[in-house]
Amino acid sequence: MDQKKLRKQILKVLGQVNKHNNEIELSPVPTKFLVVGNTSISCGVNYDDLEEIFTKFDAGVNFIVYPAGRSYSFVIFTNCENATTALQQIQGTIPDTLKKYDKTFVPFIGSYVKSIPKEIFNQNKLFPTGMKIVKDFINEKDSEELIKYIEQLAEKDGNTLKNRTVLHFGYKFNYDSNCALEQATPIPPQLEALIRKLIFGKVLNGQIPDQITINIYEENQGIPFHVDTHSAFGNQILSLSLLSDVVMQFKDCTNPAIMRDVLLDKNCLLVMEEDSRYKWKHGILSRKYDINPITNRIVKRQKRISITFRKVQSTKCECKFIEYCDWDRNGEMAIPADDKKGKHLESTYVQEVYENIADHFDETRYSQWKAVSNFIDGLAPYSVLLDLGCGNGKYLIREDNLIKIGSDLCFNLCRIASKKKCDVVQGDILNLPFKHDLADAVISIAVIHHMSTEARRIQAFQQLANVLKVGGRGCVTVWAMDQKASQYEIMRSNKDEEEETISDCSLLRVHNGKQFSQQDMLVPWQKDKTGEQQFLRYYHMFVEGELEKLVNKVDGLEVIEVILEQGNYIVTFQKNC
C-alpha cells in the first residue's frame, strides 16, 4: 500500500475513533500504544485472534476491544520497540491467523497514538452508589430446577415482547404506564422460596417483594434503558440471573456519557438501592457479544433468564432524589406558576449552583459569541457598556476603548472578574444597581433563560431598558429549544437510546443530553469526569419567535435582529423612547 493511500486510511481510522473519544491523537513518534482499524468483532476478528496475532511480538500485550459499532481496537505493548515491530509486520496486511477462516477480511491499518482511553475503562469498573452483587445466590442444582420450571411456564403462559419473553406474578407489570396495579397469577411456591431466601439472607431492607417479573432473553436480546418508576415500586429492586452471564449497563440520568458496565454472573443476585435505583438508568443492549468489564475479553451471549423482585407501592415516592422523581412533591418540582415560586426555584437551581461552580465555570467559559463580539465592535469609542450577568468577565477583559462595567448576582463570579481587573458590582438583573439612562449599550449573555416565569423574563428586559439611554442598543443571548446545530448537542448526544415520551410537561425534568423534551428543564453541570460532583441549573429554552415577543412587551424597545448561533437565540434591540 503506497504511503499516500496508507495515510488516508489511518486518518479514516482516527476519524472513527474521534466519534467516540476526541482526546485520542496520533503520535508522530513511536509509542507503546497502537490503534488498529478493521480488528473488531464487527469485522469478524475476535479476541483470541488478536492474542494470536500480537502475542508473538509481545507476550505482555493487552487490548481494548469493543463488542459492536466500532471497527478498531487499541493494542497496548510493554515497550515502543515491540509496538514498532508489530506495526511494521501487520500494516496494510491481512494476518495469516485470519486466513484459516472462510471469510473476507479487510487489511489491518494501524498507527501510534499518544494515549488510550484507559480512564474510561477504569471508571466503568466502579458500581453506581447503592448497587451490589451477591455472587452464587443460588447453587447450580437449585438453579437447574428453577430453569426447568420457568421454561415449562413460559411455553404455556409466556408473553412475547419485542425484545424478550415475560411472565408476571403477584401483580402484572403495565408497560404503557410502567406501573403494576392489576393483580396477576399468585407468586408460586418455587418463587416464594426465593423470597424466603432473600429474607433469611438479610438481603432485603424491610420491604418484602410482592411482584415478580421473569424475563427470558435469547442470545441477541436485551432490554431498553430505564429507571423503574419511583412511585410504582419500593426503594429496592432485585434481580436474579440464570443460565448465563451478561453485561448490564448503567447510565447516569444527568449525563448518559457516564456509564458503568456491570457483569452479572450466572446465579448472581443484583441489588439496586439509592442512586442505582433512582438516579441511574439500567439496560442490556441487544447484541450477540459482550465485553467482560473485568477481563476485557469478548464473550458470546447465550440464552438467559432474569427474575426481578419488587415491592408494589401504593403511596407516592418519598426518595431524596426529588429532581428525578415522577411527581412534583406538592409543587416543589413543578414549573413555577408565580413570582414567589419562581424566586425560590432560581435561588436553589441558579444562584446557589453558580456560587458552587464559579471556579470551574471560569476555567471552561472563555470563548466569545461571534454575534456578541460583532455587537461590541460596532459601538462608538468611549461608549458606556454594561455587562449584566457578566459571569467571569470574559467580555469585560476585551481590549477596546469602551467604558465597561459588569454586574452579576453571583458573588464568587464577581470576585473572579474583579481579580481580572474588571469593574464589577454584585447585582440582580431584576433590580439593577445602576441609574436610569446611564448606558450607551447593554449586553446580557446567557442570563435571562435562568428566569423561571414569563413575568420575570419581561422584568429583566424592563431593567435593561431602564439603564439604557434613548438611542442605546442591547444584545441578549438565550438558549434555544432547537440544539441540533450546536456543539452542546454534538458533545452530549447519545443516539443509542430511545427517545422518551413526555406526558406531563408541568414537571421540571432533568435534561439527559439529547434534544430538549420541554422548554423548562434542569440542566446538569459536571465538575469532574467521574460525575460525582453534579449540579442542576434551571433553564427556560426559547422557541422561535418567543424572544422578540418579550422585547416587544417592553415599552420603548424595538427589535433590530434575531439570529440563531450555536443553539442560542441572539437578539439586538434599541431603546427609542
Protein backbone atom coordinates (compact mmCIF):
# COMPACT_ATOMS: atom_id res chain seq x y z
CA MET A 1 0.00 0.00 0.00
CA ASP A 2 1.51 3.35 -1.03
CA GLN A 3 2.14 5.98 1.65
CA LYS A 4 -0.50 8.43 0.41
CA LYS A 5 -3.23 5.79 0.47
CA LEU A 6 -1.99 4.48 3.83
CA ARG A 7 -2.10 7.96 5.35
CA LYS A 8 -5.65 8.40 4.11
CA GLN A 9 -6.68 5.08 5.68
CA ILE A 10 -5.03 6.00 9.00
CA LEU A 11 -6.92 9.29 9.13
CA LYS A 12 -10.13 7.41 8.40
CA VAL A 13 -9.48 5.17 11.41
CA LEU A 14 -8.74 8.22 13.58
CA GLY A 15 -11.99 9.80 12.42
CA GLN A 16 -13.89 6.74 13.60
CA VAL A 17 -12.08 6.85 16.96
CA ASN A 18 -12.80 10.55 17.46
CA LYS A 19 -16.52 9.98 17.04
CA HIS A 20 -16.38 8.24 20.42
CA ASN A 21 -13.34 9.85 22.04
CA ASN A 22 -11.96 13.13 20.70
CA GLU A 23 -9.00 13.09 23.09
CA ILE A 24 -7.16 10.37 21.16
CA GLU A 25 -4.36 11.80 18.97
CA LEU A 26 -1.97 10.23 16.50
CA SER A 27 1.68 10.27 17.56
CA PRO A 28 4.38 11.29 15.06
CA VAL A 29 6.91 9.20 17.01
CA PRO A 30 6.66 5.55 18.14
CA THR A 31 4.77 4.84 21.35
CA LYS A 32 3.70 1.59 23.00
CA PHE A 33 0.08 2.31 22.04
CA LEU A 34 -1.44 1.36 18.68
CA VAL A 35 -4.90 1.93 17.30
CA VAL A 36 -5.57 -0.69 14.64
CA GLY A 37 -8.50 -0.50 12.26
CA ASN A 38 -10.50 -3.46 10.92
CA THR A 39 -9.75 -5.52 14.05
CA SER A 40 -13.08 -5.61 15.87
CA ILE A 41 -15.72 -8.28 16.28
CA SER A 42 -17.85 -6.40 13.73
CA CYS A 43 -15.04 -7.04 11.24
CA GLY A 44 -15.02 -10.75 12.08
CA VAL A 45 -11.93 -10.58 14.33
CA ASN A 46 -12.36 -11.95 17.85
CA TYR A 47 -10.23 -11.54 20.96
CA ASP A 48 -8.49 -14.90 20.54
CA ASP A 49 -7.44 -13.89 17.02
CA LEU A 50 -5.91 -10.65 18.32
CA GLU A 51 -4.00 -12.52 21.00
CA GLU A 52 -2.61 -14.99 18.47
CA ILE A 53 -1.61 -12.19 16.09
CA PHE A 54 0.06 -9.83 18.57
CA THR A 55 1.48 -12.02 21.38
CA LYS A 56 4.24 -13.21 19.04
CA PHE A 57 5.52 -9.61 19.13
CA ASP A 58 4.99 -9.07 22.87
CA ALA A 59 3.93 -11.72 25.40
CA GLY A 60 2.61 -8.98 27.71
CA VAL A 61 0.42 -7.27 25.12
CA ASN A 62 -3.05 -6.09 26.16
CA PHE A 63 -6.11 -4.89 24.29
CA ILE A 64 -9.08 -2.56 24.45
CA VAL A 65 -11.80 -4.09 22.29
CA TYR A 66 -15.43 -3.26 21.57
CA PRO A 67 -18.43 -5.57 21.11
CA ALA A 68 -20.25 -3.62 18.40
CA GLY A 69 -20.39 -0.38 16.46
CA ARG A 70 -16.63 0.15 16.13
CA SER A 71 -14.17 -1.26 13.62
CA TYR A 72 -10.97 -0.62 15.58
CA SER A 73 -9.17 -1.88 18.68
CA PHE A 74 -6.38 -0.47 20.84
CA VAL A 75 -3.26 -2.59 21.34
CA ILE A 76 -1.05 -1.87 24.36
CA PHE A 77 2.53 -3.17 24.26
CA THR A 78 5.06 -3.30 27.09
CA ASN A 79 7.50 -1.08 25.15
CA CYS A 80 7.83 1.02 22.00
CA GLU A 81 10.20 -1.42 20.28
CA ASN A 82 7.66 -4.24 20.29
CA ALA A 83 4.94 -1.89 19.07
CA THR A 84 7.18 -0.77 16.20
CA THR A 85 7.96 -4.34 15.16
CA ALA A 86 4.28 -5.29 15.23
CA LEU A 87 3.18 -2.25 13.25
CA GLN A 88 5.78 -2.89 10.56
CA GLN A 89 4.61 -6.51 10.22
CA ILE A 90 0.83 -6.02 10.18
CA GLN A 91 0.48 -2.66 8.43
CA GLY A 92 -1.75 -2.98 5.37
CA THR A 93 -1.92 -6.78 5.58
CA ILE A 94 -4.39 -9.49 6.48
CA PRO A 95 -2.55 -11.59 9.12
CA ASP A 96 -2.09 -15.29 8.42
CA THR A 97 -4.09 -16.12 11.55
CA LEU A 98 -7.26 -14.94 9.81
CA LYS A 99 -6.67 -16.83 6.58
CA LYS A 100 -7.82 -20.09 8.16
CA TYR A 101 -11.38 -18.76 8.17
CA ASP A 102 -13.65 -18.95 5.16
CA LYS A 103 -14.33 -15.22 5.39
CA THR A 104 -13.33 -11.99 3.70
CA PHE A 105 -11.24 -9.65 5.86
CA VAL A 106 -10.00 -6.09 5.34
CA PRO A 107 -6.28 -5.28 5.78
CA PHE A 108 -5.22 -4.03 9.21
CA ILE A 109 -4.43 -0.30 9.33
CA GLY A 110 -2.52 0.84 12.41
CA SER A 111 -0.92 3.93 13.87
CA TYR A 112 0.85 5.06 17.02
CA VAL A 113 -1.33 7.09 19.37
CA LYS A 114 -0.29 9.29 22.27
CA SER A 115 -2.68 7.68 24.75
CA ILE A 116 -5.53 5.22 25.10
CA PRO A 117 -8.99 5.70 26.69
CA LYS A 118 -7.80 3.89 29.79
CA GLU A 119 -9.53 6.13 32.31
CA ILE A 120 -12.92 5.34 30.80
CA PHE A 121 -12.46 1.62 31.37
CA ASN A 122 -11.21 2.15 34.92
CA GLN A 123 -14.24 4.29 35.62
CA ASN A 124 -16.59 1.69 34.17
CA LYS A 125 -15.46 -0.86 36.75
CA LEU A 126 -16.97 1.20 39.57
CA PHE A 127 -20.51 0.35 40.66
CA PRO A 128 -23.14 3.09 40.95
CA THR A 129 -23.78 4.06 44.57
CA GLY A 130 -26.24 1.69 46.22
CA MET A 131 -25.64 -1.22 43.85
CA LYS A 132 -24.25 -4.55 45.00
CA ILE A 133 -23.98 -8.09 43.66
CA VAL A 134 -24.41 -11.27 45.69
CA LYS A 135 -22.48 -13.97 43.82
CA ASP A 136 -23.83 -17.54 43.69
CA PHE A 137 -27.06 -16.53 45.40
CA ILE A 138 -28.40 -19.98 44.50
CA ASN A 139 -26.47 -23.17 43.82
CA GLU A 140 -26.30 -24.97 40.49
CA LYS A 141 -28.78 -27.71 41.47
CA ASP A 142 -31.47 -25.23 42.58
CA SER A 143 -30.76 -23.13 39.50
CA GLU A 144 -31.33 -26.06 37.14
CA GLU A 145 -34.63 -26.97 38.81
CA LEU A 146 -35.80 -23.35 38.66
CA ILE A 147 -34.85 -23.02 34.99
CA LYS A 148 -36.77 -26.17 34.11
CA TYR A 149 -39.85 -24.87 35.96
CA ILE A 150 -39.68 -21.44 34.29
CA GLU A 151 -39.27 -22.88 30.79
CA GLN A 152 -42.37 -25.02 31.30
CA LEU A 153 -44.34 -21.96 32.44
CA ALA A 154 -43.08 -19.88 29.52
CA GLU A 155 -44.28 -22.44 26.98
CA LYS A 156 -47.78 -22.23 28.42
CA ASP A 157 -48.16 -18.65 29.71
CA GLY A 158 -45.23 -16.61 28.37
CA ASN A 159 -45.95 -13.21 26.83
CA THR A 160 -43.64 -12.38 23.92
CA LEU A 161 -42.46 -8.76 23.71
CA LYS A 162 -40.22 -7.11 21.13
CA ASN A 163 -37.00 -7.94 22.98
CA ARG A 164 -37.86 -10.88 25.26
CA THR A 165 -40.47 -13.22 26.73
CA VAL A 166 -42.01 -12.25 30.09
CA LEU A 167 -44.02 -13.74 32.96
CA HIS A 168 -45.62 -11.76 35.82
CA PHE A 169 -46.62 -12.88 39.31
CA GLY A 170 -48.37 -11.08 42.16
CA TYR A 171 -49.07 -8.00 40.05
CA LYS A 172 -48.98 -7.61 36.27
CA PHE A 173 -46.50 -5.02 35.02
CA ASN A 174 -48.12 -2.48 32.68
CA TYR A 175 -45.58 -1.45 30.01
CA ASP A 176 -47.66 1.58 28.99
CA SER A 177 -47.81 3.18 32.45
CA ASN A 178 -44.69 1.46 33.88
CA CYS A 179 -46.71 0.52 36.96
CA ALA A 180 -48.07 -2.72 38.42
CA LEU A 181 -51.57 -2.26 39.86
CA GLU A 182 -53.52 -5.14 38.30
CA GLN A 183 -53.33 -8.39 40.20
CA ALA A 184 -51.77 -11.33 38.35
CA THR A 185 -51.16 -15.03 38.99
CA PRO A 186 -50.18 -15.51 42.66
CA ILE A 187 -46.50 -16.00 43.35
CA PRO A 188 -45.88 -19.77 43.12
CA PRO A 189 -44.10 -21.77 45.87
CA GLN A 190 -40.90 -22.08 43.80
CA LEU A 191 -40.56 -18.28 43.76
CA GLU A 192 -41.83 -17.81 47.31
CA ALA A 193 -38.84 -19.95 48.32
CA LEU A 194 -36.55 -17.35 46.74
CA ILE A 195 -38.25 -14.56 48.68
CA ARG A 196 -37.70 -16.51 51.93
CA LYS A 197 -34.06 -16.88 50.95
CA LEU A 198 -33.87 -13.09 50.49
CA ILE A 199 -35.36 -12.61 53.97
CA PHE A 200 -33.18 -15.14 55.77
CA GLY A 201 -30.11 -13.94 53.90
CA LYS A 202 -30.79 -10.40 55.22
CA VAL A 203 -30.70 -9.01 51.70
CA LEU A 204 -33.98 -7.10 52.00
CA ASN A 205 -34.16 -3.66 53.60
CA GLY A 206 -37.53 -4.22 55.26
CA GLN A 207 -39.79 -4.36 52.22
CA ILE A 208 -40.86 -7.87 51.19
CA PRO A 209 -41.36 -8.22 47.41
CA ASP A 210 -44.92 -8.90 46.22
CA GLN A 211 -44.37 -8.54 42.46
CA ILE A 212 -42.13 -10.71 40.30
CA THR A 213 -41.30 -10.35 36.62
CA ILE A 214 -39.42 -13.08 34.79
CA ASN A 215 -37.62 -12.11 31.57
CA ILE A 216 -36.38 -14.76 29.14
CA TYR A 217 -33.76 -13.47 26.70
CA GLU A 218 -32.42 -15.17 23.61
CA GLU A 219 -28.70 -14.65 22.93
CA ASN A 220 -29.10 -11.36 21.00
CA GLN A 221 -31.93 -9.83 23.04
CA GLY A 222 -31.83 -7.07 25.64
CA ILE A 223 -33.96 -4.56 27.48
CA PRO A 224 -34.16 -0.77 26.84
CA PHE A 225 -32.57 1.63 29.32
CA HIS A 226 -34.98 2.66 32.05
CA VAL A 227 -35.45 3.59 35.68
CA ASP A 228 -38.14 1.62 37.49
CA THR A 229 -40.90 4.16 38.18
CA HIS A 230 -40.26 5.81 41.55
CA SER A 231 -43.82 5.83 42.87
CA ALA A 232 -44.74 2.42 41.46
CA PHE A 233 -42.26 0.38 43.47
CA GLY A 234 -40.31 0.39 46.72
CA ASN A 235 -36.76 1.54 47.32
CA GLN A 236 -35.13 -1.76 46.42
CA ILE A 237 -35.09 -3.63 43.10
CA LEU A 238 -33.54 -7.11 43.00
CA SER A 239 -32.78 -9.32 40.00
CA LEU A 240 -31.53 -12.91 39.89
CA SER A 241 -29.62 -14.03 36.77
CA LEU A 242 -29.87 -17.62 35.50
CA LEU A 243 -28.44 -19.71 32.65
CA SER A 244 -25.61 -17.41 31.54
CA ASP A 245 -23.59 -14.25 32.18
CA VAL A 246 -24.47 -10.87 30.69
CA VAL A 247 -23.18 -7.29 30.89
CA MET A 248 -25.73 -4.78 32.14
CA GLN A 249 -25.02 -1.10 31.52
CA PHE A 250 -25.88 1.70 33.92
CA LYS A 251 -26.14 5.29 32.66
CA ASP A 252 -26.29 8.37 34.84
CA CYS A 253 -29.60 10.16 34.23
CA THR A 254 -27.85 13.53 34.24
CA ASN A 255 -25.19 12.51 31.74
CA PRO A 256 -25.58 9.28 29.73
CA ALA A 257 -21.91 9.52 28.75
CA ILE A 258 -21.15 8.40 32.32
CA MET A 259 -21.60 4.64 32.15
CA ARG A 260 -20.86 1.62 34.27
CA ASP A 261 -20.56 -1.83 32.71
CA VAL A 262 -21.56 -4.45 35.29
CA LEU A 263 -21.02 -8.17 34.78
CA LEU A 264 -23.98 -10.21 36.01
CA ASP A 265 -22.66 -13.73 36.53
CA LYS A 266 -24.90 -16.75 36.23
CA ASN A 267 -26.75 -17.33 39.55
CA CYS A 268 -25.81 -13.90 40.96
CA LEU A 269 -28.28 -11.50 42.59
CA LEU A 270 -28.23 -7.82 41.60
CA VAL A 271 -29.43 -5.42 44.32
CA MET A 272 -30.27 -1.81 43.40
CA GLU A 273 -30.88 0.86 46.05
CA GLU A 274 -30.22 4.61 46.42
CA ASP A 275 -28.57 6.17 43.33
CA SER A 276 -28.55 2.94 41.34
CA ARG A 277 -32.30 2.57 41.97
CA TYR A 278 -33.43 6.16 41.46
CA LYS A 279 -30.78 8.11 39.53
CA TRP A 280 -29.22 5.65 37.06
CA LYS A 281 -30.87 4.02 34.07
CA HIS A 282 -30.07 0.37 33.55
CA GLY A 283 -30.42 -1.73 30.43
CA ILE A 284 -28.98 -4.53 28.33
CA LEU A 285 -28.01 -3.82 24.74
CA SER A 286 -29.40 -6.11 22.05
CA ARG A 287 -26.27 -7.76 20.65
CA LYS A 288 -24.59 -11.16 20.36
CA TYR A 289 -21.37 -10.29 22.21
CA ASP A 290 -20.39 -8.54 25.44
CA ILE A 291 -17.09 -7.21 26.72
CA ASN A 292 -16.33 -8.64 30.14
CA PRO A 293 -15.52 -5.43 32.12
CA ILE A 294 -13.17 -7.36 34.41
CA THR A 295 -11.06 -9.28 31.86
CA ASN A 296 -11.81 -7.05 28.84
CA ARG A 297 -12.41 -10.20 26.78
CA ILE A 298 -15.22 -10.62 24.27
CA VAL A 299 -17.88 -13.06 25.48
CA LYS A 300 -20.53 -14.60 23.25
CA ARG A 301 -24.05 -14.18 24.59
CA GLN A 302 -26.24 -17.18 25.42
CA LYS A 303 -29.86 -17.63 26.42
CA ARG A 304 -30.52 -16.03 29.81
CA ILE A 305 -33.31 -15.75 32.39
CA SER A 306 -33.73 -12.97 34.95
CA ILE A 307 -36.13 -12.91 37.91
CA THR A 308 -36.89 -9.39 39.16
CA PHE A 309 -38.33 -8.83 42.65
CA ARG A 310 -40.17 -5.60 43.53
CA LYS A 311 -42.46 -4.26 46.23
CA VAL A 312 -45.54 -2.57 44.75
CA GLN A 313 -46.03 0.85 46.33
CA SER A 314 -49.47 2.40 46.89
CA THR A 315 -48.20 5.78 48.09
CA LYS A 316 -46.19 8.44 46.29
CA CYS A 317 -42.42 8.18 46.36
CA GLU A 318 -40.55 9.93 49.17
CA CYS A 319 -37.00 9.35 47.91
CA LYS A 320 -34.33 12.03 48.30
CA PHE A 321 -33.79 12.24 44.53
CA ILE A 322 -36.58 14.76 44.05
CA GLU A 323 -35.31 16.09 40.70
CA TYR A 324 -35.58 12.61 39.18
CA CYS A 325 -38.88 11.64 40.78
CA ASP A 326 -42.15 11.10 38.90
CA TRP A 327 -44.24 13.64 40.84
CA ASP A 328 -43.76 17.31 41.69
CA ARG A 329 -43.51 16.96 45.50
CA ASN A 330 -46.57 19.15 46.15
CA GLY A 331 -45.39 21.77 43.71
CA GLU A 332 -41.73 21.93 44.74
CA MET A 333 -40.58 20.44 41.43
CA ALA A 334 -43.36 21.91 39.27
CA ILE A 335 -42.62 24.60 36.70
CA PRO A 336 -43.25 27.84 38.65
CA ALA A 337 -46.63 29.49 38.15
CA ASP A 338 -45.98 32.70 40.11
CA ASP A 339 -43.21 35.05 41.18
CA LYS A 340 -42.79 33.62 44.69
CA LYS A 341 -42.26 30.07 43.43
CA GLY A 342 -40.05 31.33 40.62
CA LYS A 343 -37.81 33.21 43.03
CA HIS A 344 -37.49 30.13 45.26
CA LEU A 345 -36.61 27.89 42.31
CA GLU A 346 -33.96 30.28 40.99
CA SER A 347 -32.41 30.61 44.44
CA THR A 348 -31.85 26.84 44.59
CA TYR A 349 -31.17 25.92 40.97
CA VAL A 350 -29.43 29.07 39.69
CA GLN A 351 -27.90 31.25 42.41
CA GLU A 352 -26.65 28.50 44.75
CA VAL A 353 -25.34 26.48 41.82
CA TYR A 354 -23.25 29.30 40.35
CA GLU A 355 -21.77 30.07 43.75
CA ASN A 356 -20.64 26.42 43.88
CA ILE A 357 -19.33 26.11 40.33
CA ALA A 358 -17.85 29.59 39.85
CA ASP A 359 -14.20 28.49 39.70
CA HIS A 360 -14.92 25.62 37.30
CA PHE A 361 -17.14 27.94 35.24
CA ASP A 362 -14.23 30.34 34.90
CA GLU A 363 -11.95 27.53 33.68
CA THR A 364 -14.37 26.46 30.95
CA ARG A 365 -16.04 29.69 29.80
CA TYR A 366 -13.61 31.87 27.90
CA SER A 367 -14.67 31.92 24.23
CA GLN A 368 -16.93 34.72 22.99
CA TRP A 369 -20.01 34.52 20.80
CA LYS A 370 -19.29 35.90 17.34
CA ALA A 371 -22.53 37.91 17.22
CA VAL A 372 -21.84 39.43 20.66
CA SER A 373 -18.28 40.38 19.68
CA ASN A 374 -19.59 41.98 16.49
CA PHE A 375 -22.14 43.94 18.54
CA ILE A 376 -19.44 45.27 20.88
CA ASP A 377 -17.09 46.05 17.98
CA GLY A 378 -19.83 48.21 16.46
CA LEU A 379 -20.04 50.56 19.46
CA ALA A 380 -18.61 54.08 19.24
CA PRO A 381 -15.36 54.80 21.11
CA TYR A 382 -15.80 55.60 24.83
CA SER A 383 -19.36 54.30 24.89
CA VAL A 384 -20.59 53.12 28.29
CA LEU A 385 -21.27 49.37 28.12
CA LEU A 386 -22.95 47.47 30.94
CA ASP A 387 -22.46 43.69 31.01
CA LEU A 388 -25.42 42.49 33.07
CA GLY A 389 -24.75 38.98 34.29
CA CYS A 390 -21.07 39.35 33.44
CA GLY A 391 -20.02 35.98 34.87
CA ASN A 392 -16.23 35.64 34.91
CA GLY A 393 -15.78 38.89 32.98
CA LYS A 394 -14.85 37.42 29.60
CA TYR A 395 -16.44 40.36 27.74
CA LEU A 396 -15.07 42.92 30.19
CA ILE A 397 -11.41 41.96 29.63
CA ARG A 398 -11.55 42.68 25.90
CA GLU A 399 -9.03 45.25 24.72
CA ASP A 400 -11.06 48.14 23.32
CA ASN A 401 -11.75 51.79 24.02
CA LEU A 402 -15.07 51.34 25.81
CA ILE A 403 -16.07 52.17 29.37
CA LYS A 404 -17.24 48.79 30.69
CA ILE A 405 -18.93 47.90 33.96
CA GLY A 406 -20.20 44.47 34.89
CA SER A 407 -22.68 43.14 37.39
CA ASP A 408 -23.62 39.64 38.49
CA LEU A 409 -25.75 38.19 41.25
CA CYS A 410 -23.11 35.53 41.96
CA PHE A 411 -20.58 36.83 44.49
CA ASN A 412 -17.91 34.28 43.54
CA LEU A 413 -18.11 35.19 39.85
CA CYS A 414 -17.84 38.88 40.78
CA ARG A 415 -14.75 38.01 42.82
CA ILE A 416 -13.20 36.21 39.84
CA ALA A 417 -13.96 39.07 37.45
CA SER A 418 -12.58 41.60 39.93
CA LYS A 419 -9.28 39.69 40.13
CA LYS A 420 -9.02 40.19 36.36
CA LYS A 421 -9.08 43.97 36.98
CA CYS A 422 -12.68 44.30 35.79
CA ASP A 423 -15.03 46.92 37.22
CA VAL A 424 -17.85 44.83 38.68
CA VAL A 425 -20.64 45.16 41.22
CA GLN A 426 -22.85 42.46 42.68
CA GLY A 427 -26.38 43.00 41.44
CA ASP A 428 -29.62 41.31 40.46
CA ILE A 429 -30.74 41.70 36.84
CA LEU A 430 -34.30 42.05 38.17
CA ASN A 431 -33.26 45.04 40.31
CA LEU A 432 -30.14 46.58 38.78
CA PRO A 433 -27.90 48.81 40.95
CA PHE A 434 -27.46 51.45 38.20
CA LYS A 435 -29.01 54.82 37.43
CA HIS A 436 -31.58 55.04 34.68
CA ASP A 437 -30.43 56.25 31.24
CA LEU A 438 -26.79 55.51 32.07
CA ALA A 439 -25.54 53.21 29.33
CA ASP A 440 -24.98 53.56 25.61
CA ALA A 441 -25.22 49.78 25.32
CA VAL A 442 -26.01 46.72 27.40
CA ILE A 443 -25.30 43.03 26.96
CA SER A 444 -26.80 40.16 28.92
CA ILE A 445 -25.27 36.86 27.91
CA ALA A 446 -26.91 33.58 28.95
CA VAL A 447 -28.82 35.12 31.84
CA ILE A 448 -32.50 35.64 31.02
CA HIS A 449 -33.03 31.94 30.28
CA HIS A 450 -32.47 31.41 34.02
CA MET A 451 -35.63 33.43 34.79
CA SER A 452 -38.36 30.88 35.51
CA THR A 453 -41.56 32.77 34.66
CA GLU A 454 -42.50 34.96 31.73
CA ALA A 455 -43.18 37.87 34.09
CA ARG A 456 -39.65 37.66 35.49
CA ARG A 457 -38.18 37.47 31.98
CA ILE A 458 -40.11 40.58 30.96
CA GLN A 459 -38.97 42.30 34.18
CA ALA A 460 -35.36 41.59 33.21
CA PHE A 461 -35.83 43.26 29.82
CA GLN A 462 -37.53 46.19 31.56
CA GLN A 463 -34.44 46.61 33.75
CA LEU A 464 -32.24 46.63 30.64
CA ALA A 465 -34.46 49.31 29.13
CA ASN A 466 -34.27 51.41 32.31
CA VAL A 467 -30.46 51.66 32.32
CA LEU A 468 -30.20 52.32 28.56
CA LYS A 469 -30.08 55.84 27.16
CA VAL A 470 -32.58 56.72 24.46
CA GLY A 471 -30.97 55.53 21.24
CA GLY A 472 -28.92 52.96 23.14
CA ARG A 473 -28.75 49.36 22.00
CA GLY A 474 -28.76 45.98 23.70
CA CYS A 475 -27.73 42.42 22.93
CA VAL A 476 -29.17 39.40 24.76
CA THR A 477 -28.49 35.68 24.29
CA VAL A 478 -30.59 32.75 25.50
CA TRP A 479 -30.60 29.01 24.92
CA ALA A 480 -32.80 27.78 22.09
CA MET A 481 -35.09 24.78 22.25
CA ASP A 482 -33.55 23.66 18.97
CA GLN A 483 -29.99 22.48 19.71
CA LYS A 484 -29.47 20.37 16.58
CA ALA A 485 -26.73 22.58 15.17
CA SER A 486 -24.97 23.29 18.48
CA GLN A 487 -21.71 21.94 19.88
CA TYR A 488 -23.61 21.19 23.11
CA GLU A 489 -25.84 18.71 21.28
CA ILE A 490 -22.88 17.16 19.45
CA MET A 491 -20.92 16.84 22.70
CA ARG A 492 -23.68 15.21 24.73
CA SER A 493 -25.70 13.37 22.11
CA ASN A 494 -26.37 9.71 22.73
CA LYS A 495 -28.02 8.10 19.76
CA ASP A 496 -28.11 4.59 21.22
CA GLU A 497 -31.01 5.44 23.49
CA GLU A 498 -34.66 5.53 22.56
CA GLU A 499 -36.48 8.86 22.73
CA GLU A 500 -38.53 9.31 25.88
CA THR A 501 -42.21 10.20 25.68
CA ILE A 502 -43.04 13.09 27.99
CA SER A 503 -46.64 13.00 29.19
CA ASP A 504 -46.53 15.63 31.96
CA CYS A 505 -44.85 18.87 30.91
CA SER A 506 -45.77 20.66 34.16
CA LEU A 507 -42.99 18.81 35.97
CA LEU A 508 -39.40 20.01 35.86
CA ARG A 509 -37.23 17.30 34.35
CA VAL A 510 -33.51 16.68 34.23
CA HIS A 511 -32.01 17.00 30.75
CA ASN A 512 -30.39 13.76 29.62
CA GLY A 513 -28.03 15.12 26.96
CA LYS A 514 -30.29 14.73 23.94
CA GLN A 515 -32.69 17.22 22.34
CA PHE A 516 -34.66 19.16 24.95
CA SER A 517 -38.00 17.46 25.57
CA GLN A 518 -39.69 20.56 27.02
CA GLN A 519 -38.97 24.26 27.48
CA ASP A 520 -38.32 24.28 31.23
CA MET A 521 -35.65 21.87 32.42
CA LEU A 522 -32.85 21.25 34.88
CA VAL A 523 -29.55 21.01 33.02
CA PRO A 524 -26.59 19.25 34.65
CA TRP A 525 -23.24 20.86 35.33
CA GLN A 526 -20.49 18.33 35.94
CA LYS A 527 -17.39 19.46 37.84
CA ASP A 528 -15.34 16.31 37.30
CA LYS A 529 -15.03 13.42 34.84
CA THR A 530 -16.37 10.85 37.29
CA GLY A 531 -19.70 12.63 37.58
CA GLU A 532 -19.52 12.61 41.38
CA GLN A 533 -19.84 16.41 41.58
CA GLN A 534 -23.00 17.33 39.72
CA PHE A 535 -25.21 20.39 39.95
CA LEU A 536 -28.52 21.08 38.24
CA ARG A 537 -29.24 24.51 36.76
CA TYR A 538 -32.70 25.73 35.78
CA TYR A 539 -33.14 26.80 32.14
CA HIS A 540 -36.06 28.07 30.11
CA MET A 541 -35.44 27.08 26.48
CA PHE A 542 -36.76 29.61 23.98
CA VAL A 543 -38.75 28.65 20.89
CA GLU A 544 -38.65 30.55 17.62
CA GLY A 545 -40.31 33.96 17.90
CA GLU A 546 -40.51 33.94 21.71
CA LEU A 547 -37.52 36.18 22.39
CA GLU A 548 -38.64 39.07 20.17
CA LYS A 549 -42.14 38.88 21.69
CA LEU A 550 -40.62 39.53 25.13
CA VAL A 551 -38.70 42.54 23.82
CA ASN A 552 -41.84 43.94 22.20
CA LYS A 553 -43.71 43.76 25.53
CA VAL A 554 -41.40 46.42 27.00
CA ASP A 555 -42.37 49.98 26.11
CA GLY A 556 -39.71 51.82 24.15
CA LEU A 557 -37.75 48.79 22.95
CA GLU A 558 -37.59 47.81 19.29
CA VAL A 559 -36.12 44.58 17.91
CA ILE A 560 -33.34 45.10 15.37
CA GLU A 561 -32.41 41.48 14.63
CA VAL A 562 -32.74 37.94 15.98
CA ILE A 563 -30.33 35.20 14.88
CA LEU A 564 -29.65 31.59 15.87
CA GLU A 565 -25.99 30.86 16.63
CA GLN A 566 -24.81 27.51 18.00
CA GLY A 567 -28.10 26.70 19.72
CA ASN A 568 -28.56 30.24 21.09
CA TYR A 569 -31.02 32.93 20.06
CA ILE A 570 -29.31 36.31 19.99
CA VAL A 571 -31.44 39.45 19.84
CA THR A 572 -30.25 43.01 19.31
CA PHE A 573 -32.62 45.84 20.11
CA GLN A 574 -32.75 49.62 20.53
CA LYS A 575 -34.39 51.94 23.05
CA ASN A 576 -36.37 54.55 21.13
CA CYS A 577 -38.03 56.43 23.97
